[in-house]
Every structure is written in C-alpha cells, then in structure tokens.
C-alpha cells in the first residue's frame, strides 16, 4: 500500500501530491493512510450505491475517511458511531445519522442504525 521512508523510488506515473504549505512534513506523511485503508476496506465489503453503512469509530483516522468515501464516493446512507465530543465533526463529514456510543447501545436498537 505504501511506505514510510525518507526516500522512496516510484514509477514515473505514480501518484504524487503536493504538500500544503501550512502542514509540516510529519503531518503530511500520515494523511493518506486513513483514506487508503478506508477505501481498501470499503471495496472489500463490496458496498453499493443506496445501501446503508454503519461505521464504528467514525471520528478516527480511518473512520472519518470511511464516512466521506461511503457517502460521497459510493453513494450510501451512512450512520457513524463516535463519542459525544466528536458528534458534530462526524455530521460535518456527511454522515446521515450519528450515534453516540456513550449514550446508547447501537447493537441492541437496530432501528437507529
């Protein structure tokens, strides 16, 4: 999937992105990991447009990318699960519903999912 290295040889047609000026090299080096992993997992799950997707850990590095990809790339209805402090963040990513795992047990009440 990639590498964390000081130097890396890659093909001429490899994917390269320009680092934003307001971001350190350390910050930029970890940015693609969550998105690459989320895309790989969503493809493995073979989700289809119009399906409902539950993303547990929706405010984390992989989860926040998974919310955006599932909603905007795959066209699914997304329910994100996270803790109270991150509810608005997950909503801002595009989740249709957001469940607070500290206030409800989403595993027993399937109507909310």
Protein backbone atom coordinates (compact mmCIF):
# COMPACT_ATOMS: atom_id res chain seq x y z
CA UNK A 1 0.00 0.00 0.00
CA UNK A 2 2.85 2.40 0.54
CA UNK A 3 5.83 3.20 2.68
CA UNK A 4 7.00 5.42 5.49
CA UNK A 5 10.53 6.22 4.39
CA UNK A 6 12.86 9.15 3.99
CA UNK A 7 13.42 8.20 0.34
CA UNK A 8 11.26 6.15 -2.00
CA UNK A 9 11.71 5.14 -5.64
CA UNK A 10 8.49 5.03 -7.62
CA UNK A 11 7.36 4.79 -11.24
CA UNK A 12 7.02 7.92 -13.37
CA UNK A 13 3.23 7.54 -13.43
CA UNK A 14 2.98 7.07 -9.64
CA UNK A 15 0.61 9.13 -7.55
CA UNK A 16 2.19 12.29 -6.14
CA UNK A 17 0.52 15.05 -4.16
CA UNK A 18 1.82 18.50 -3.27
CA UNK A 19 2.18 19.08 0.47
CA UNK A 20 0.07 22.02 1.66
CA UNK A 21 2.25 24.92 2.81
CA UNK A 22 0.55 25.15 6.22
CA UNK A 23 1.29 21.50 7.05
CA UNK A 24 4.52 20.05 8.45
CA UNK A 25 6.20 17.08 6.76
CA UNK A 26 5.31 14.97 9.79
CA UNK A 27 1.61 15.88 9.47
CA UNK A 28 1.59 15.33 5.71
CA UNK A 29 3.26 11.92 5.95
CA UNK A 30 0.31 10.33 7.75
CA UNK A 31 -2.53 11.98 5.84
CA UNK A 32 -3.04 9.35 3.13
CA UNK A 33 -3.01 6.32 5.46
CA UNK A 34 -6.61 6.60 6.70
CA UNK A 35 -8.04 7.21 3.25
CA UNK A 36 -6.12 4.40 1.58
CA UNK A 37 -7.10 1.95 4.33
CA UNK A 38 -10.75 3.07 4.34
CA UNK A 39 -11.04 2.75 0.57
CA UNK A 40 -9.49 -0.71 0.65
CA UNK A 41 -11.88 -1.88 3.37
CA UNK A 42 -14.98 -0.40 1.71
CA UNK A 43 -14.07 -2.04 -1.59
CA UNK A 44 -13.51 -5.34 0.20
CA UNK A 45 -17.02 -5.04 1.71
CA UNK A 46 -18.37 -4.51 -1.82
CA UNK A 47 -20.77 -1.76 -0.76
CA UNK A 48 -23.17 -0.49 -3.41
CA UNK A 49 -25.00 2.78 -4.04
CA UNK A 50 -28.14 3.09 -1.92
CA UNK A 51 -27.05 0.64 0.78
CA UNK A 52 -26.85 1.53 4.46
CA UNK A 53 -23.39 1.51 6.02
CA UNK A 54 -22.53 1.59 9.74
CA UNK A 55 -19.08 2.99 10.52
CA UNK A 56 -17.88 2.39 14.06
CA UNK A 57 -15.08 4.76 15.04
CA UNK A 58 -16.34 7.35 12.57
CA UNK A 59 -14.23 10.15 14.02
CA UNK A 60 -10.89 8.34 13.80
CA UNK A 61 -8.31 8.48 11.02
CA UNK A 62 -9.72 5.56 9.06
CA UNK A 63 -13.33 6.08 10.15
CA UNK A 64 -13.52 9.73 9.15
CA UNK A 65 -12.25 8.86 5.68
CA UNK A 66 -14.66 5.92 5.51
CA UNK A 67 -17.62 8.20 6.27
CA UNK A 68 -16.71 10.57 3.43
CA UNK A 69 -15.94 7.83 0.92
CA UNK A 70 -19.04 5.78 1.74
CA UNK A 71 -21.28 8.85 1.45
CA UNK A 72 -19.81 10.82 -1.41
CA UNK A 73 -17.94 8.24 -3.49
CA UNK A 74 -20.06 5.11 -3.05
CA UNK A 75 -23.41 6.91 -2.54
CA UNK A 76 -24.53 5.04 0.56
CA UNK A 77 -26.58 6.09 3.59
CA UNK A 78 -24.04 6.42 6.40
CA UNK A 79 -24.51 6.02 10.13
CA UNK A 80 -21.42 6.99 12.10
CA UNK A 81 -20.68 5.88 15.65
CA UNK A 82 -18.48 8.01 17.90
CA UNK A 83 -18.28 9.62 21.33
CA UNK A 84 -20.01 12.82 22.47
CA UNK A 85 -17.17 15.30 21.73
CA UNK A 86 -16.96 14.30 18.06
CA UNK A 87 -20.67 14.15 17.08
CA UNK A 88 -20.65 17.45 15.17
CA UNK A 89 -17.40 16.55 13.43
CA UNK A 90 -18.86 13.30 12.08
CA UNK A 91 -22.02 15.13 10.96
CA UNK A 92 -19.84 17.64 9.11
CA UNK A 93 -18.20 14.78 7.20
CA UNK A 94 -21.56 13.90 5.69
CA UNK A 95 -22.95 11.15 7.92
CA UNK A 96 -26.73 10.85 7.60
CA UNK A 97 -27.03 9.72 11.23
CA UNK A 98 -24.59 9.90 14.11
CA UNK A 99 -24.88 7.70 17.19
CA UNK A 100 -23.18 8.46 20.49
CA UNK A 101 -21.85 5.16 21.84
CA UNK A 102 -21.64 6.64 25.37
CA UNK A 103 -25.40 7.26 25.44
CA UNK A 104 -26.93 4.39 23.50
CA UNK A 105 -26.14 0.79 22.67
CA UNK A 106 -26.48 0.69 18.89
CA UNK A 107 -26.04 -3.10 18.94
CA UNK A 108 -29.41 -3.61 20.65
CA UNK A 109 -31.52 -0.92 18.95
CA UNK A 110 -31.28 -1.62 15.22
CA UNK A 111 -33.96 0.96 14.35
CA UNK A 112 -31.45 3.80 14.83
CA UNK A 113 -28.82 2.26 12.57
